[in-house]
Amino acid sequence: MTDSETRIAIFHQKQIRKTIYQNEWWFSILDVIGALTNSPQPKTYWAKMKERDHEITQPFPFWEQLKLKAGDDKLRETDCANTEGIFRLIQSIPSPKAEPFKRWLAKVGYERVQEIEDPELATKRTRALYKAKGYPDSWIEKRMRGIMIREELTQEWKDRGAKAGREYEILTAEISKATFGITPSEYKKIKSLKHQNLRVIPPWYSTPVL
């Protein structure tokens, strides 16, 4: 899964993880619940929702388990719903933020439609995000080229039958070893990195783009 396929959106200063699945945005249900309710335990809130509403007890058509980045920067199975599913869930969440969230959700979904029609918009939005975070233009250009090369490479792996996940990790490690003489995991140990993703290390680390 590439960086362009997984992103973090912001609603009222709350992070909402989202990912592209079946060519549309799917959102973390726990993040949505946290944003709407300010509950310190969105997992408990979600469990009680499923107990009250038997229609959403089972995955699909309302929700699916998809891999999103967790707090430790690792991809983990996360309950997610598409725009239609989130609208359905909002009906069971009494919150004054419900209507603003619906408008926000509609806007985010529309952005995805725009990106499908014009993929260059996704690139422009990514550049703008890095710029807003304060990264220098030179780093942004290298990063964008790295993303493009990585997407072309993973597509080639996919075409040749490689499976995302462990097989991609092995191939990436082999390329890194041949190019830099060191694997990503070895590099993390040398630099004492724990949760950082080497593909998005800040420019002051002087890290090779993997």
Protein backbone atom coordinates (compact mmCIF):
# COMPACT_ATOMS: atom_id res chain seq x y z
CA MET A 1 0.00 0.00 0.00
CA THR A 2 1.53 3.32 -1.05
CA ASP A 3 1.54 6.65 0.76
CA SER A 4 -0.91 8.07 -1.77
CA GLU A 5 -3.38 5.33 -0.77
CA THR A 6 -3.32 6.07 2.95
CA ARG A 7 -3.70 9.50 4.48
CA ILE A 8 -4.78 11.39 7.57
CA ALA A 9 -7.60 13.91 7.27
CA ILE A 10 -8.41 16.53 9.91
CA PHE A 11 -11.84 17.33 11.32
CA HIS A 12 -12.04 19.93 14.10
CA GLN A 13 -8.36 19.28 14.93
CA LYS A 14 -9.04 15.54 15.20
CA GLN A 15 -7.11 13.11 13.00
CA ILE A 16 -9.20 10.78 10.86
CA ARG A 17 -7.23 7.98 9.23
CA LYS A 18 -8.47 6.97 5.80
CA THR A 19 -7.43 4.62 3.03
CA ILE A 20 -8.44 3.88 -0.54
CA TYR A 21 -10.30 0.59 -0.90
CA GLN A 22 -12.32 -0.43 -3.95
CA ASN A 23 -11.51 2.97 -5.44
CA GLU A 24 -13.13 5.03 -2.68
CA TRP A 25 -12.20 6.44 0.72
CA TRP A 26 -12.72 4.28 3.79
CA PHE A 27 -12.39 5.91 7.22
CA SER A 28 -11.34 4.59 10.62
CA ILE A 29 -14.54 4.09 12.60
CA LEU A 30 -12.75 4.59 15.92
CA ASP A 31 -11.28 7.90 14.71
CA VAL A 32 -14.72 9.08 13.59
CA ILE A 33 -16.28 8.10 16.91
CA GLY A 34 -13.50 9.88 18.78
CA ALA A 35 -13.98 13.04 16.71
CA LEU A 36 -17.76 13.09 17.17
CA THR A 37 -17.99 12.09 20.84
CA ASN A 38 -14.64 13.08 22.37
CA SER A 39 -14.86 9.69 24.08
CA PRO A 40 -11.59 8.67 25.78
CA GLN A 41 -12.44 5.08 24.90
CA PRO A 42 -13.80 4.94 21.34
CA LYS A 43 -13.30 1.15 21.27
CA THR A 44 -15.77 0.76 24.14
CA TYR A 45 -18.19 3.20 22.51
CA TRP A 46 -18.01 1.23 19.23
CA ALA A 47 -18.57 -2.07 21.03
CA LYS A 48 -21.68 -0.69 22.75
CA MET A 49 -22.97 0.66 19.42
CA LYS A 50 -22.77 -2.83 17.93
CA GLU A 51 -24.58 -4.26 20.94
CA ARG A 52 -27.44 -1.75 20.50
CA ASP A 53 -27.68 -1.92 16.72
CA HIS A 54 -27.66 -5.49 15.44
CA GLU A 55 -27.54 -4.31 11.81
CA ILE A 56 -23.94 -3.17 12.28
CA THR A 57 -22.78 -6.14 14.35
CA GLN A 58 -21.25 -7.95 11.38
CA PRO A 59 -18.77 -6.50 8.88
CA PHE A 60 -20.03 -5.60 5.41
CA PRO A 61 -21.96 -3.93 4.04
CA PHE A 62 -21.49 -1.26 6.71
CA TRP A 63 -17.83 -1.78 7.58
CA GLU A 64 -14.69 -3.76 6.80
CA GLN A 65 -11.38 -4.43 8.52
CA LEU A 66 -8.61 -2.69 6.57
CA LYS A 67 -4.98 -2.01 7.39
CA LEU A 68 -4.20 1.49 8.66
CA LYS A 69 -1.14 2.88 10.42
CA ALA A 70 -1.40 2.60 14.18
CA GLY A 71 0.38 4.73 16.76
CA ASP A 72 3.53 2.59 16.43
CA ASP A 73 3.62 3.35 12.67
CA LYS A 74 2.76 -0.26 11.80
CA LEU A 75 -0.13 -1.31 9.59
CA ARG A 76 -2.84 -2.97 11.67
CA GLU A 77 -6.32 -4.27 10.97
CA THR A 78 -8.77 -1.45 11.70
CA ASP A 79 -12.56 -1.27 11.49
CA CYS A 80 -13.33 1.07 8.59
CA ALA A 81 -16.40 2.26 6.70
CA ASN A 82 -16.87 4.07 3.42
CA THR A 83 -18.79 7.33 3.14
CA GLU A 84 -22.16 5.57 3.00
CA GLY A 85 -21.26 3.41 6.01
CA ILE A 86 -20.09 6.39 8.05
CA PHE A 87 -23.35 8.23 7.30
CA ARG A 88 -25.17 5.15 8.56
CA LEU A 89 -23.10 5.06 11.77
CA ILE A 90 -23.59 8.77 12.43
CA GLN A 91 -27.32 8.09 12.78
CA SER A 92 -26.51 6.14 15.95
CA ILE A 93 -24.22 8.79 17.43
CA PRO A 94 -25.97 11.70 19.18
CA SER A 95 -23.54 14.56 18.65
CA PRO A 96 -23.79 18.28 17.81
CA LYS A 97 -20.90 17.68 15.41
CA ALA A 98 -22.93 15.25 13.29
CA GLU A 99 -24.10 17.75 10.66
CA PRO A 100 -20.71 19.51 10.30
CA PHE A 101 -19.11 16.08 9.99
CA LYS A 102 -21.53 15.08 7.24
CA ARG A 103 -20.58 18.18 5.27
CA TRP A 104 -16.89 17.50 5.87
CA LEU A 105 -17.32 13.89 4.78
CA ALA A 106 -19.10 14.91 1.59
CA LYS A 107 -16.25 17.29 0.77
CA VAL A 108 -13.59 14.64 1.37
CA GLY A 109 -15.48 12.16 -0.78
CA TYR A 110 -15.79 14.73 -3.56
CA GLU A 111 -12.03 15.31 -3.46
CA ARG A 112 -11.53 11.60 -4.16
CA VAL A 113 -13.87 11.81 -7.16
CA GLN A 114 -11.83 14.74 -8.44
CA GLU A 115 -8.59 12.80 -8.00
CA ILE A 116 -9.95 9.83 -9.94
CA GLU A 117 -10.88 12.14 -12.81
CA ASP A 118 -7.59 14.07 -12.59
CA PRO A 119 -4.80 12.12 -10.75
CA GLU A 120 -2.57 15.20 -10.88
CA LEU A 121 -4.78 16.77 -8.19
CA ALA A 122 -3.65 14.11 -5.70
CA THR A 123 -0.03 15.03 -6.41
CA LYS A 124 -0.77 18.74 -5.97
CA ARG A 125 -2.51 18.11 -2.64
CA THR A 126 0.41 16.01 -1.42
CA ARG A 127 2.87 18.76 -2.34
CA ALA A 128 0.74 21.36 -0.57
CA LEU A 129 0.60 19.18 2.56
CA TYR A 130 4.39 18.84 2.74
CA LYS A 131 4.76 22.57 2.09
CA ALA A 132 2.37 23.36 4.93
CA LYS A 133 4.45 21.16 7.23
CA GLY A 134 7.51 23.28 6.47
CA TYR A 135 9.54 20.94 4.30
CA PRO A 136 11.94 22.70 1.85
CA ASP A 137 11.18 22.57 -1.89
CA SER A 138 14.28 20.46 -2.60
CA TRP A 139 13.12 17.79 -0.13
CA ILE A 140 9.57 17.87 -1.50
CA GLU A 141 10.83 17.28 -5.05
CA LYS A 142 12.94 14.31 -3.93
CA ARG A 143 10.03 12.96 -1.93
CA MET A 144 7.60 13.23 -4.84
CA ARG A 145 10.05 11.51 -7.18
CA GLY A 146 10.51 8.81 -4.56
CA ILE A 147 6.75 8.27 -4.31
CA MET A 148 6.44 8.01 -8.09
CA ILE A 149 9.30 5.53 -8.36
CA ARG A 150 7.96 3.51 -5.45
CA GLU A 151 4.48 3.30 -6.99
CA GLU A 152 5.93 2.17 -10.34
CA LEU A 153 8.04 -0.44 -8.57
CA THR A 154 5.20 -1.83 -6.43
CA GLN A 155 2.96 -1.98 -9.50
CA GLU A 156 5.64 -4.03 -11.26
CA TRP A 157 5.84 -6.37 -8.25
CA LYS A 158 2.07 -6.69 -8.25
CA ASP A 159 2.01 -7.46 -11.99
CA ARG A 160 4.58 -10.20 -11.39
CA GLY A 161 2.50 -11.81 -8.65
CA ALA A 162 4.13 -10.47 -5.47
CA LYS A 163 1.75 -10.00 -2.55
CA ALA A 164 1.62 -6.78 -0.52
CA GLY A 165 2.91 -7.03 3.00
CA ARG A 166 5.68 -9.45 3.89
CA GLU A 167 6.79 -10.08 0.28
CA TYR A 168 7.05 -6.33 -0.38
CA GLU A 169 9.10 -5.95 2.81
CA ILE A 170 11.53 -8.65 1.66
CA LEU A 171 11.92 -7.10 -1.79
CA THR A 172 12.44 -3.64 -0.28
CA ALA A 173 15.10 -4.99 2.07
CA GLU A 174 16.92 -6.67 -0.82
CA ILE A 175 16.94 -3.45 -2.87
CA SER A 176 18.16 -1.42 0.11
CA LYS A 177 20.90 -3.96 0.84
CA ALA A 178 22.11 -3.93 -2.75
CA THR A 179 21.96 -0.12 -3.04
CA PHE A 180 23.12 1.09 0.38
CA GLY A 181 24.67 -2.04 1.84
CA ILE A 182 22.16 -2.05 4.66
CA THR A 183 18.52 -3.05 5.19
CA PRO A 184 15.87 -0.64 6.57
CA SER A 185 15.69 -2.56 9.86
CA GLU A 186 19.48 -2.40 10.25
CA TYR A 187 19.43 1.33 9.51
CA LYS A 188 16.79 1.90 12.19
CA LYS A 189 18.99 0.14 14.74
CA ILE A 190 22.03 2.25 13.81
CA LYS A 191 20.03 5.50 14.08
CA SER A 192 18.09 4.28 17.15
CA LEU A 193 14.80 4.83 15.31
CA LYS A 194 11.77 3.09 16.78
CA HIS A 195 8.51 4.10 15.09
CA GLN A 196 9.64 6.32 12.22
CA ASN A 197 8.74 5.33 8.69
CA LEU A 198 11.92 5.60 6.61
CA ARG A 199 9.89 6.73 3.60
CA VAL A 200 8.84 9.91 5.38
CA ILE A 201 11.81 10.70 7.65
CA PRO A 202 12.20 14.49 8.13
CA PRO A 203 14.91 16.10 5.98
CA TRP A 204 17.26 16.76 8.89
CA TYR A 205 17.92 13.00 9.26
CA SER A 206 19.72 12.85 5.89
CA THR A 207 18.13 9.48 5.24
CA PRO A 208 18.04 7.63 1.89
CA VAL A 209 14.55 7.60 0.37
CA LEU A 210 13.34 4.00 0.38
